[in-house]
Amino acid sequence: MISSEDIETIINSSQAVIFQWKTDEDWTVDFVSDNILQFGYEMEEFKDGKLKYVDIVHPDDISQLKEKFLEYAKKDKLIGFTRQYRIKTKFGEIRWVDERSLIRRNENGEIDHIQGIIFDITENKRAEEALQVNEARLETLLKLNQMSNQSVKEIIEFILEEGVKLTGSEVGYFALVNQSENVLTMHS
């Protein structure tokens, strides 16, 4: 038979952070596993009330999470939900998490706690983004290949526009070198 100490060791050595928080405005944490340390936080910071769960959620994601929760709360039969969002580590790094939660209701049927686990999915998100960028690059190359009947000026404008989009830059330039490679002509 497995002991509670063994279970605790298994949990705290896993990537899944277990939590329970209240449904108050700031999502006061009642419990979080020690492995919250992977995000730089200590369990005691939440226990002491110094930190609420809302304090570590990325500010741009808070309102959407609260709106979604209100939608979930209206569904009497809904037991659990999954959602993805960003959190801030104690060191200021932004990490993506996948939350899988259960809604806990009191004897009156009112929601009083959320219990669940969060997984760090940052590497998966980065891989997805890289795949999307590569797909966009291939699409751009295909379009460029189909521009053989366009003027040089139109092709250069297309290259500049797409280059700026693909790199996420605000500005870009395109340069051509003459055949003897001693003159560089810049286009911006």
N, C-alpha and C. Protein backbone atom coordinates (compact mmCIF):
# COMPACT_ATOMS: atom_id res chain seq x y z
N MET A 1 0.85 -1.19 0.00
CA MET A 1 0.00 0.00 0.00
C MET A 1 0.88 1.24 0.00
N ILE A 2 0.45 2.24 -0.73
CA ILE A 2 1.23 3.47 -0.86
C ILE A 2 0.87 4.43 0.28
N SER A 3 1.87 5.04 0.86
CA SER A 3 1.64 5.95 1.99
C SER A 3 1.39 7.36 1.48
N SER A 4 0.85 8.20 2.35
CA SER A 4 0.61 9.59 1.97
C SER A 4 1.92 10.33 1.71
N GLU A 5 3.00 9.92 2.40
CA GLU A 5 4.31 10.52 2.14
C GLU A 5 4.81 10.15 0.75
N ASP A 6 4.56 8.89 0.33
CA ASP A 6 4.95 8.46 -1.01
C ASP A 6 4.18 9.24 -2.07
N ILE A 7 2.89 9.43 -1.84
CA ILE A 7 2.06 10.20 -2.77
C ILE A 7 2.57 11.62 -2.88
N GLU A 8 2.88 12.22 -1.74
CA GLU A 8 3.39 13.59 -1.72
C GLU A 8 4.72 13.68 -2.48
N THR A 9 5.60 12.70 -2.29
CA THR A 9 6.88 12.68 -3.01
C THR A 9 6.66 12.56 -4.51
N ILE A 10 5.74 11.69 -4.91
CA ILE A 10 5.45 11.52 -6.33
C ILE A 10 4.93 12.82 -6.93
N ILE A 11 4.00 13.45 -6.25
CA ILE A 11 3.41 14.70 -6.74
C ILE A 11 4.47 15.79 -6.85
N ASN A 12 5.26 15.95 -5.81
CA ASN A 12 6.23 17.05 -5.79
C ASN A 12 7.42 16.83 -6.70
N SER A 13 7.60 15.63 -7.20
CA SER A 13 8.67 15.40 -8.18
C SER A 13 8.13 15.35 -9.60
N SER A 14 6.84 15.61 -9.77
CA SER A 14 6.25 15.63 -11.10
C SER A 14 6.20 17.05 -11.65
N GLN A 15 5.82 17.18 -12.92
CA GLN A 15 5.67 18.49 -13.55
C GLN A 15 4.30 19.09 -13.26
N ALA A 16 3.36 18.30 -12.77
CA ALA A 16 1.99 18.76 -12.53
C ALA A 16 1.89 19.42 -11.16
N VAL A 17 1.55 20.70 -11.15
CA VAL A 17 1.36 21.43 -9.89
C VAL A 17 -0.10 21.29 -9.49
N ILE A 18 -0.34 20.82 -8.28
CA ILE A 18 -1.70 20.63 -7.77
C ILE A 18 -2.08 21.86 -6.96
N PHE A 19 -3.33 22.28 -7.09
CA PHE A 19 -3.78 23.46 -6.36
C PHE A 19 -5.24 23.33 -5.97
N GLN A 20 -5.62 24.17 -5.05
CA GLN A 20 -7.03 24.40 -4.70
C GLN A 20 -7.13 25.87 -4.34
N TRP A 21 -8.06 26.57 -5.01
CA TRP A 21 -8.23 27.97 -4.68
C TRP A 21 -9.71 28.30 -4.53
N LYS A 22 -9.95 29.39 -3.83
CA LYS A 22 -11.31 29.87 -3.64
C LYS A 22 -11.77 30.63 -4.87
N THR A 23 -13.05 30.85 -4.96
CA THR A 23 -13.59 31.57 -6.12
C THR A 23 -13.79 33.05 -5.82
N ASP A 24 -13.04 33.56 -4.85
CA ASP A 24 -13.11 34.99 -4.56
C ASP A 24 -12.43 35.78 -5.68
N GLU A 25 -12.45 37.08 -5.58
CA GLU A 25 -11.95 37.97 -6.64
C GLU A 25 -10.50 37.70 -7.03
N ASP A 26 -9.65 37.37 -6.05
CA ASP A 26 -8.23 37.19 -6.31
C ASP A 26 -7.79 35.73 -6.34
N TRP A 27 -8.75 34.82 -6.25
CA TRP A 27 -8.45 33.38 -6.26
C TRP A 27 -7.45 33.02 -5.16
N THR A 28 -7.88 33.23 -3.91
CA THR A 28 -7.06 32.90 -2.75
C THR A 28 -6.75 31.41 -2.76
N VAL A 29 -5.47 31.08 -2.60
CA VAL A 29 -5.02 29.69 -2.66
C VAL A 29 -5.14 29.04 -1.30
N ASP A 30 -5.85 27.91 -1.25
CA ASP A 30 -5.94 27.12 -0.02
C ASP A 30 -4.82 26.08 0.04
N PHE A 31 -4.46 25.58 -1.14
CA PHE A 31 -3.41 24.57 -1.20
C PHE A 31 -2.71 24.66 -2.54
N VAL A 32 -1.39 24.50 -2.52
CA VAL A 32 -0.60 24.34 -3.73
C VAL A 32 0.54 23.39 -3.38
N SER A 33 0.87 22.50 -4.31
CA SER A 33 1.95 21.54 -4.05
C SER A 33 3.31 22.24 -4.07
N ASP A 34 4.25 21.62 -3.37
CA ASP A 34 5.60 22.20 -3.25
C ASP A 34 6.27 22.44 -4.59
N ASN A 35 5.89 21.67 -5.61
CA ASN A 35 6.57 21.82 -6.89
C ASN A 35 6.16 23.08 -7.65
N ILE A 36 5.41 23.96 -7.01
CA ILE A 36 5.18 25.31 -7.57
C ILE A 36 6.53 26.01 -7.69
N LEU A 37 7.51 25.46 -7.01
CA LEU A 37 8.88 25.97 -7.04
C LEU A 37 9.43 26.00 -8.46
N GLN A 38 8.91 25.15 -9.37
CA GLN A 38 9.39 25.17 -10.76
C GLN A 38 9.11 26.51 -11.44
N PHE A 39 8.20 27.31 -10.86
CA PHE A 39 7.91 28.65 -11.37
C PHE A 39 8.55 29.73 -10.49
N GLY A 40 9.36 29.30 -9.53
CA GLY A 40 10.10 30.23 -8.68
C GLY A 40 9.40 30.59 -7.38
N TYR A 41 8.18 30.13 -7.20
CA TYR A 41 7.41 30.47 -6.00
C TYR A 41 7.53 29.37 -4.95
N GLU A 42 7.36 29.77 -3.70
CA GLU A 42 7.33 28.79 -2.63
C GLU A 42 5.91 28.63 -2.14
N MET A 43 5.60 27.43 -1.74
CA MET A 43 4.25 27.11 -1.26
C MET A 43 3.83 28.06 -0.13
N GLU A 44 4.76 28.41 0.73
CA GLU A 44 4.45 29.27 1.88
C GLU A 44 3.96 30.66 1.47
N GLU A 45 4.42 31.16 0.32
CA GLU A 45 3.99 32.47 -0.15
C GLU A 45 2.47 32.50 -0.39
N PHE A 46 1.95 31.38 -0.85
CA PHE A 46 0.50 31.27 -1.07
C PHE A 46 -0.22 30.98 0.23
N LYS A 47 0.37 30.11 1.04
CA LYS A 47 -0.23 29.75 2.33
C LYS A 47 -0.39 30.97 3.24
N ASP A 48 0.64 31.83 3.25
CA ASP A 48 0.64 33.02 4.10
C ASP A 48 -0.28 34.11 3.56
N GLY A 49 -0.79 33.93 2.35
CA GLY A 49 -1.66 34.94 1.75
C GLY A 49 -0.91 36.07 1.08
N LYS A 50 0.44 35.99 1.04
CA LYS A 50 1.22 37.02 0.37
C LYS A 50 0.91 37.02 -1.13
N LEU A 51 0.66 35.85 -1.65
CA LEU A 51 0.33 35.71 -3.07
C LEU A 51 -1.03 35.05 -3.24
N LYS A 52 -1.77 35.54 -4.20
CA LYS A 52 -3.02 34.92 -4.63
C LYS A 52 -2.74 34.35 -6.02
N TYR A 53 -3.57 33.45 -6.48
CA TYR A 53 -3.31 32.87 -7.80
C TYR A 53 -3.36 33.94 -8.88
N VAL A 54 -4.26 34.90 -8.75
CA VAL A 54 -4.38 35.98 -9.74
C VAL A 54 -3.07 36.77 -9.87
N ASP A 55 -2.25 36.78 -8.82
CA ASP A 55 -0.98 37.52 -8.84
C ASP A 55 0.03 36.93 -9.82
N ILE A 56 -0.10 35.64 -10.13
CA ILE A 56 0.87 35.03 -11.02
C ILE A 56 0.35 34.86 -12.45
N VAL A 57 -0.94 35.11 -12.65
CA VAL A 57 -1.51 35.01 -13.99
C VAL A 57 -1.10 36.25 -14.79
N HIS A 58 -0.76 36.04 -16.04
CA HIS A 58 -0.37 37.16 -16.91
C HIS A 58 -1.53 38.17 -16.95
N PRO A 59 -1.25 39.46 -16.76
CA PRO A 59 -2.32 40.48 -16.70
C PRO A 59 -3.25 40.48 -17.92
N ASP A 60 -2.70 40.16 -19.10
CA ASP A 60 -3.52 40.16 -20.31
C ASP A 60 -4.50 38.99 -20.36
N ASP A 61 -4.32 38.00 -19.51
CA ASP A 61 -5.17 36.80 -19.53
C ASP A 61 -6.22 36.78 -18.41
N ILE A 62 -6.08 37.65 -17.42
CA ILE A 62 -6.96 37.60 -16.24
C ILE A 62 -8.43 37.81 -16.59
N SER A 63 -8.75 38.86 -17.33
CA SER A 63 -10.17 39.13 -17.60
C SER A 63 -10.82 38.01 -18.40
N GLN A 64 -10.10 37.46 -19.36
CA GLN A 64 -10.65 36.36 -20.14
C GLN A 64 -10.88 35.12 -19.26
N LEU A 65 -9.95 34.84 -18.36
CA LEU A 65 -10.12 33.70 -17.46
C LEU A 65 -11.32 33.89 -16.54
N LYS A 66 -11.49 35.11 -16.05
CA LYS A 66 -12.63 35.38 -15.18
C LYS A 66 -13.95 35.27 -15.95
N GLU A 67 -13.98 35.77 -17.17
CA GLU A 67 -15.19 35.66 -18.00
C GLU A 67 -15.53 34.20 -18.27
N LYS A 68 -14.52 33.42 -18.63
CA LYS A 68 -14.74 32.00 -18.91
C LYS A 68 -15.24 31.28 -17.67
N PHE A 69 -14.66 31.63 -16.52
CA PHE A 69 -15.10 30.97 -15.29
C PHE A 69 -16.57 31.28 -15.00
N LEU A 70 -17.00 32.51 -15.23
CA LEU A 70 -18.40 32.86 -15.02
C LEU A 70 -19.30 32.04 -15.94
N GLU A 71 -18.85 31.78 -17.16
CA GLU A 71 -19.60 30.91 -18.07
C GLU A 71 -19.70 29.51 -17.50
N TYR A 72 -18.57 28.99 -17.01
CA TYR A 72 -18.56 27.64 -16.43
C TYR A 72 -19.46 27.57 -15.20
N ALA A 73 -19.43 28.62 -14.39
CA ALA A 73 -20.19 28.64 -13.14
C ALA A 73 -21.69 28.58 -13.38
N LYS A 74 -22.15 29.09 -14.51
CA LYS A 74 -23.59 29.09 -14.82
C LYS A 74 -24.10 27.70 -15.20
N LYS A 75 -23.20 26.81 -15.54
CA LYS A 75 -23.59 25.46 -15.97
C LYS A 75 -23.61 24.54 -14.75
N ASP A 76 -24.81 24.25 -14.26
CA ASP A 76 -24.95 23.44 -13.05
C ASP A 76 -24.32 22.06 -13.16
N LYS A 77 -24.40 21.46 -14.31
CA LYS A 77 -23.92 20.09 -14.49
C LYS A 77 -22.42 20.01 -14.75
N LEU A 78 -21.80 21.15 -15.08
CA LEU A 78 -20.38 21.14 -15.41
C LEU A 78 -19.57 20.82 -14.17
N ILE A 79 -18.72 19.84 -14.31
CA ILE A 79 -17.88 19.42 -13.18
C ILE A 79 -16.46 19.97 -13.33
N GLY A 80 -15.94 19.93 -14.57
CA GLY A 80 -14.57 20.36 -14.77
C GLY A 80 -14.37 21.08 -16.08
N PHE A 81 -13.18 21.63 -16.25
CA PHE A 81 -12.84 22.36 -17.46
C PHE A 81 -11.34 22.36 -17.65
N THR A 82 -10.94 22.69 -18.87
CA THR A 82 -9.53 22.81 -19.25
C THR A 82 -9.34 24.14 -19.93
N ARG A 83 -8.24 24.80 -19.66
CA ARG A 83 -7.95 26.05 -20.34
C ARG A 83 -6.43 26.29 -20.35
N GLN A 84 -5.98 27.08 -21.31
CA GLN A 84 -4.57 27.40 -21.45
C GLN A 84 -4.39 28.91 -21.34
N TYR A 85 -3.36 29.30 -20.62
CA TYR A 85 -3.08 30.72 -20.43
C TYR A 85 -1.64 30.88 -19.96
N ARG A 86 -1.24 32.12 -19.78
CA ARG A 86 0.13 32.42 -19.38
C ARG A 86 0.20 32.78 -17.90
N ILE A 87 1.32 32.42 -17.30
CA ILE A 87 1.60 32.87 -15.93
C ILE A 87 2.99 33.50 -15.93
N LYS A 88 3.23 34.29 -14.89
CA LYS A 88 4.53 34.93 -14.71
C LYS A 88 5.29 34.16 -13.64
N THR A 89 6.53 33.81 -13.93
CA THR A 89 7.34 33.18 -12.90
C THR A 89 7.81 34.27 -11.93
N LYS A 90 8.34 33.86 -10.83
CA LYS A 90 8.84 34.83 -9.85
C LYS A 90 9.97 35.68 -10.43
N PHE A 91 10.63 35.14 -11.46
CA PHE A 91 11.77 35.83 -12.06
C PHE A 91 11.38 36.65 -13.28
N GLY A 92 10.06 36.77 -13.53
CA GLY A 92 9.58 37.61 -14.62
C GLY A 92 9.41 36.92 -15.96
N GLU A 93 9.74 35.64 -16.03
CA GLU A 93 9.59 34.90 -17.28
C GLU A 93 8.11 34.56 -17.48
N ILE A 94 7.67 34.57 -18.73
CA ILE A 94 6.29 34.21 -19.05
C ILE A 94 6.26 32.74 -19.46
N ARG A 95 5.40 31.96 -18.83
CA ARG A 95 5.26 30.53 -19.14
C ARG A 95 3.81 30.24 -19.47
N TRP A 96 3.58 29.33 -20.41
CA TRP A 96 2.24 28.88 -20.77
C TRP A 96 1.89 27.67 -19.91
N VAL A 97 0.66 27.62 -19.42
CA VAL A 97 0.21 26.46 -18.65
C VAL A 97 -1.11 25.93 -19.21
N ASP A 98 -1.30 24.65 -19.00
CA ASP A 98 -2.56 23.98 -19.31
C ASP A 98 -3.18 23.63 -17.97
N GLU A 99 -4.33 24.21 -17.69
CA GLU A 99 -5.02 23.99 -16.42
C GLU A 99 -6.15 22.98 -16.63
N ARG A 100 -6.22 22.00 -15.77
CA ARG A 100 -7.31 21.02 -15.78
C ARG A 100 -7.92 21.03 -14.39
N SER A 101 -9.13 21.54 -14.31
CA SER A 101 -9.72 21.83 -13.01
C SER A 101 -11.07 21.17 -12.80
N LEU A 102 -11.37 20.99 -11.53
CA LEU A 102 -12.67 20.49 -11.10
C LEU A 102 -13.35 21.57 -10.27
N ILE A 103 -14.63 21.72 -10.47
CA ILE A 103 -15.42 22.68 -9.69
C ILE A 103 -15.93 21.96 -8.45
N ARG A 104 -15.70 22.53 -7.30
CA ARG A 104 -16.19 21.96 -6.04
C ARG A 104 -17.31 22.84 -5.50
N ARG A 105 -18.43 22.22 -5.20
CA ARG A 105 -19.60 22.94 -4.69
C ARG A 105 -19.84 22.56 -3.23
N ASN A 106 -20.41 23.50 -2.49
CA ASN A 106 -20.74 23.22 -1.09
C ASN A 106 -22.09 22.49 -1.02
N GLU A 107 -22.57 22.26 0.17
CA GLU A 107 -23.83 21.52 0.36
C GLU A 107 -25.04 22.24 -0.23
N ASN A 108 -24.93 23.54 -0.46
CA ASN A 108 -26.02 24.32 -1.07
C ASN A 108 -25.91 24.36 -2.60
N GLY A 109 -24.91 23.69 -3.14
CA GLY A 109 -24.73 23.66 -4.59
C GLY A 109 -23.97 24.87 -5.13
N GLU A 110 -23.44 25.71 -4.24
CA GLU A 110 -22.70 26.90 -4.67
C GLU A 110 -21.22 26.54 -4.84
N ILE A 111 -20.62 27.12 -5.85
CA ILE A 111 -19.19 26.87 -6.08
C ILE A 111 -18.39 27.57 -5.00
N ASP A 112 -17.53 26.80 -4.33
CA ASP A 112 -16.69 27.44 -3.31
C ASP A 112 -15.20 27.21 -3.53
N HIS A 113 -14.84 26.23 -4.37
CA HIS A 113 -13.43 25.97 -4.65
C HIS A 113 -13.24 25.46 -6.07
N ILE A 114 -12.04 25.66 -6.54
CA ILE A 114 -11.58 25.05 -7.79
C ILE A 114 -10.37 24.21 -7.40
N GLN A 115 -10.36 22.97 -7.86
CA GLN A 115 -9.22 22.09 -7.61
C GLN A 115 -8.69 21.62 -8.95
N GLY A 116 -7.40 21.48 -9.02
CA GLY A 116 -6.89 21.00 -10.28
C GLY A 116 -5.39 20.93 -10.35
N ILE A 117 -4.93 20.81 -11.58
CA ILE A 117 -3.51 20.74 -11.84
C ILE A 117 -3.17 21.68 -13.00
N ILE A 118 -1.94 22.17 -12.97
CA ILE A 118 -1.44 22.94 -14.10
C ILE A 118 -0.15 22.29 -14.58
N PHE A 119 0.00 22.25 -15.90
CA PHE A 119 1.20 21.73 -16.54
C PHE A 119 1.86 22.86 -17.31
N ASP A 120 3.16 22.92 -17.27
CA ASP A 120 3.91 23.89 -18.07
C ASP A 120 3.94 23.37 -19.51
N ILE A 121 3.34 24.12 -20.43
CA ILE A 121 3.31 23.72 -21.83
C ILE A 121 4.05 24.73 -22.72
N THR A 122 4.94 25.48 -22.13
CA THR A 122 5.66 26.52 -22.84
C THR A 122 6.40 25.97 -24.06
N GLU A 123 7.09 24.86 -23.90
CA GLU A 123 7.84 24.30 -25.02
C GLU A 123 6.91 23.87 -26.15
N ASN A 124 5.74 23.33 -25.81
CA ASN A 124 4.76 22.96 -26.84
C ASN A 124 4.29 24.20 -27.60
N LYS A 125 4.02 25.29 -26.87
CA LYS A 125 3.58 26.53 -27.50
C LYS A 125 4.66 27.08 -28.43
N ARG A 126 5.91 27.02 -27.98
CA ARG A 126 7.01 27.51 -28.82
C ARG A 126 7.13 26.67 -30.10
N ALA A 127 6.95 25.36 -29.96
CA ALA A 127 7.00 24.48 -31.14
C ALA A 127 5.85 24.79 -32.09
N GLU A 128 4.66 25.03 -31.55
CA GLU A 128 3.50 25.41 -32.38
C GLU A 128 3.76 26.70 -33.13
N GLU A 129 4.30 27.70 -32.41
CA GLU A 129 4.60 28.99 -33.03
C GLU A 129 5.65 28.84 -34.13
N ALA A 130 6.68 28.03 -33.89
CA ALA A 130 7.71 27.81 -34.90
C ALA A 130 7.12 27.14 -36.13
N LEU A 131 6.23 26.20 -35.92
CA LEU A 131 5.56 25.53 -37.03
C LEU A 131 4.72 26.52 -37.84
N GLN A 132 4.00 27.40 -37.15
CA GLN A 132 3.19 28.41 -37.83
C GLN A 132 4.06 29.37 -38.64
N VAL A 133 5.20 29.76 -38.09
CA VAL A 133 6.12 30.65 -38.80
C VAL A 133 6.67 29.95 -40.04
N ASN A 134 7.03 28.68 -39.89
CA ASN A 134 7.54 27.93 -41.05
C ASN A 134 6.47 27.77 -42.13
N GLU A 135 5.23 27.54 -41.73
CA GLU A 135 4.14 27.44 -42.71
C GLU A 135 3.95 28.78 -43.43
N ALA A 136 4.03 29.88 -42.68
CA ALA A 136 3.89 31.21 -43.28
C ALA A 136 5.04 31.48 -44.25
N ARG A 137 6.25 31.05 -43.90
CA ARG A 137 7.39 31.23 -44.79
C ARG A 137 7.18 30.47 -46.10
N LEU A 138 6.74 29.22 -45.98
CA LEU A 138 6.50 28.42 -47.18
C LEU A 138 5.42 29.04 -48.06
N GLU A 139 4.38 29.53 -47.43
CA GLU A 139 3.30 30.20 -48.16
C GLU A 139 3.83 31.43 -48.90
N THR A 140 4.67 32.19 -48.24
CA THR A 140 5.27 33.37 -48.85
C THR A 140 6.16 32.99 -50.04
N LEU A 141 6.95 31.95 -49.86
CA LEU A 141 7.80 31.50 -50.96
C LEU A 141 6.98 31.03 -52.15
N LEU A 142 5.87 30.36 -51.88
CA LEU A 142 4.99 29.92 -52.96
C LEU A 142 4.41 31.13 -53.72
N LYS A 143 3.96 32.13 -52.97
CA LYS A 143 3.42 33.35 -53.59
C LYS A 143 4.50 34.05 -54.41
N LEU A 144 5.71 34.12 -53.84
CA LEU A 144 6.82 34.76 -54.54
C LEU A 144 7.13 34.02 -55.84
N ASN A 145 7.10 32.72 -55.79
CA ASN A 145 7.36 31.90 -56.97
C ASN A 145 6.33 32.16 -58.08
N GLN A 146 5.12 32.52 -57.67
CA GLN A 146 4.04 32.75 -58.63
C GLN A 146 4.02 34.19 -59.16
N MET A 147 4.99 35.00 -58.76
CA MET A 147 5.03 36.40 -59.17
C MET A 147 5.95 36.64 -60.37
N SER A 148 6.25 35.63 -61.13
CA SER A 148 7.22 35.77 -62.22
C SER A 148 6.81 36.80 -63.27
N ASN A 149 5.54 37.08 -63.41
CA ASN A 149 5.11 38.07 -64.40
C ASN A 149 4.95 39.47 -63.82
N GLN A 150 5.33 39.66 -62.56
CA GLN A 150 5.23 40.97 -61.90
C GLN A 150 6.51 41.78 -62.16
N SER A 151 6.40 43.07 -61.95
CA SER A 151 7.58 43.93 -62.11
C SER A 151 8.53 43.73 -60.92
N VAL A 152 9.79 44.10 -61.12
CA VAL A 152 10.78 44.00 -60.05
C VAL A 152 10.35 44.83 -58.85
N LYS A 153 9.79 46.00 -59.12
CA LYS A 153 9.32 46.88 -58.03
C LYS A 153 8.23 46.19 -57.21
N GLU A 154 7.27 45.55 -57.86
CA GLU A 154 6.19 44.84 -57.14
C GLU A 154 6.74 43.66 -56.34
N ILE A 155 7.71 42.96 -56.90
CA ILE A 155 8.32 41.83 -56.19
C ILE A 155 9.06 42.31 -54.95
N ILE A 156 9.82 43.40 -55.10
CA ILE A 156 10.56 43.95 -53.96
C ILE A 156 9.60 44.42 -52.88
N GLU A 157 8.53 45.10 -53.25
CA GLU A 157 7.53 45.54 -52.26
C GLU A 157 6.92 44.34 -51.54
N PHE A 158 6.63 43.28 -52.28
CA PHE A 158 6.07 42.07 -51.67
C PHE A 158 7.07 41.46 -50.68
N ILE A 159 8.33 41.37 -51.10
CA ILE A 159 9.37 40.80 -50.23
C ILE A 159 9.51 41.61 -48.95
N LEU A 160 9.52 42.93 -49.08
CA LEU A 160 9.63 43.80 -47.89
C LEU A 160 8.44 43.61 -46.95
N GLU A 161 7.25 43.66 -47.52
CA GLU A 161 6.04 43.53 -46.71
C GLU A 161 5.99 42.18 -45.99
N GLU A 162 6.25 41.11 -46.71
CA GLU A 162 6.21 39.77 -46.12
C GLU A 162 7.34 39.56 -45.12
N GLY A 163 8.52 40.10 -45.44
CA GLY A 163 9.66 39.98 -44.52
C GLY A 163 9.39 40.63 -43.18
N VAL A 164 8.79 41.82 -43.24
CA VAL A 164 8.44 42.52 -42.00
C VAL A 164 7.41 41.71 -41.21
N LYS A 165 6.39 41.18 -41.91
CA LYS A 165 5.36 40.37 -41.24
C LYS A 165 5.95 39.12 -40.59
N LEU A 166 6.77 38.41 -41.36
CA LEU A 166 7.32 37.14 -40.87
C LEU A 166 8.28 37.30 -39.70
N THR A 167 8.98 38.43 -39.66
CA THR A 167 9.94 38.64 -38.57
C THR A 167 9.34 39.37 -37.38
N GLY A 168 8.13 39.90 -37.56
CA GLY A 168 7.51 40.68 -36.49
C GLY A 168 8.17 42.03 -36.31
N SER A 169 8.90 42.48 -37.29
CA SER A 169 9.61 43.77 -37.21
C SER A 169 8.67 44.91 -37.57
N GLU A 170 9.10 46.10 -37.24
CA GLU A 170 8.35 47.29 -37.61
C GLU A 170 8.86 47.86 -38.94
N VAL A 171 10.13 47.61 -39.24
CA VAL A 171 10.74 48.09 -40.48
C VAL A 171 11.58 46.99 -41.08
N GLY A 172 11.89 47.15 -42.35
CA GLY A 172 12.74 46.18 -43.02
C GLY A 172 13.41 46.80 -44.22
N TYR A 173 14.37 46.10 -44.78
CA TYR A 173 15.02 46.57 -45.99
C TYR A 173 15.35 45.36 -46.86
N PHE A 174 15.54 45.63 -48.10
CA PHE A 174 15.91 44.62 -49.07
C PHE A 174 17.04 45.21 -49.89
N ALA A 175 18.12 44.46 -50.08
CA ALA A 175 19.27 44.97 -50.81
C ALA A 175 19.63 44.03 -51.96
N LEU A 176 20.04 44.62 -53.05
CA LEU A 176 20.50 43.87 -54.22
C LEU A 176 21.96 44.22 -54.47
N VAL A 177 22.76 43.22 -54.82
CA VAL A 177 24.17 43.43 -55.13
C VAL A 177 24.34 43.29 -56.63
N ASN A 178 25.14 44.16 -57.23
CA ASN A 178 25.37 44.05 -58.67
C ASN A 178 26.24 42.82 -58.96
N GLN A 179 26.44 42.51 -60.25
CA GLN A 179 27.14 41.28 -60.64
C GLN A 179 28.60 41.26 -60.18
N SER A 180 29.23 42.38 -60.14
CA SER A 180 30.64 42.41 -59.68
C SER A 180 30.73 42.51 -58.16
N GLU A 181 29.60 42.54 -57.50
CA GLU A 181 29.49 42.57 -56.03
C GLU A 181 30.23 43.73 -55.40
N ASN A 182 30.24 44.89 -56.06
CA ASN A 182 30.87 46.07 -55.48
C ASN A 182 29.90 47.21 -55.22
N VAL A 183 28.62 47.01 -55.62
CA VAL A 183 27.60 48.03 -55.36
C VAL A 183 26.37 47.34 -54.77
N LEU A 184 25.93 47.89 -53.66
CA LEU A 184 24.75 47.38 -52.95
C LEU A 184 23.63 48.41 -53.09
N THR A 185 22.48 48.00 -53.62
CA THR A 185 21.35 48.91 -53.78
C THR A 185 20.31 48.54 -52.72
N MET A 186 20.00 49.49 -51.85
CA MET A 186 19.05 49.25 -50.75
C MET A 186 17.67 49.68 -51.15
N HIS A 187 16.68 48.89 -50.74
CA HIS A 187 15.27 49.20 -50.93
C HIS A 187 14.61 49.10 -49.55
N SER A 188 13.85 50.09 -49.18
CA SER A 188 13.21 50.01 -47.87
C SER A 188 11.80 50.52 -47.93
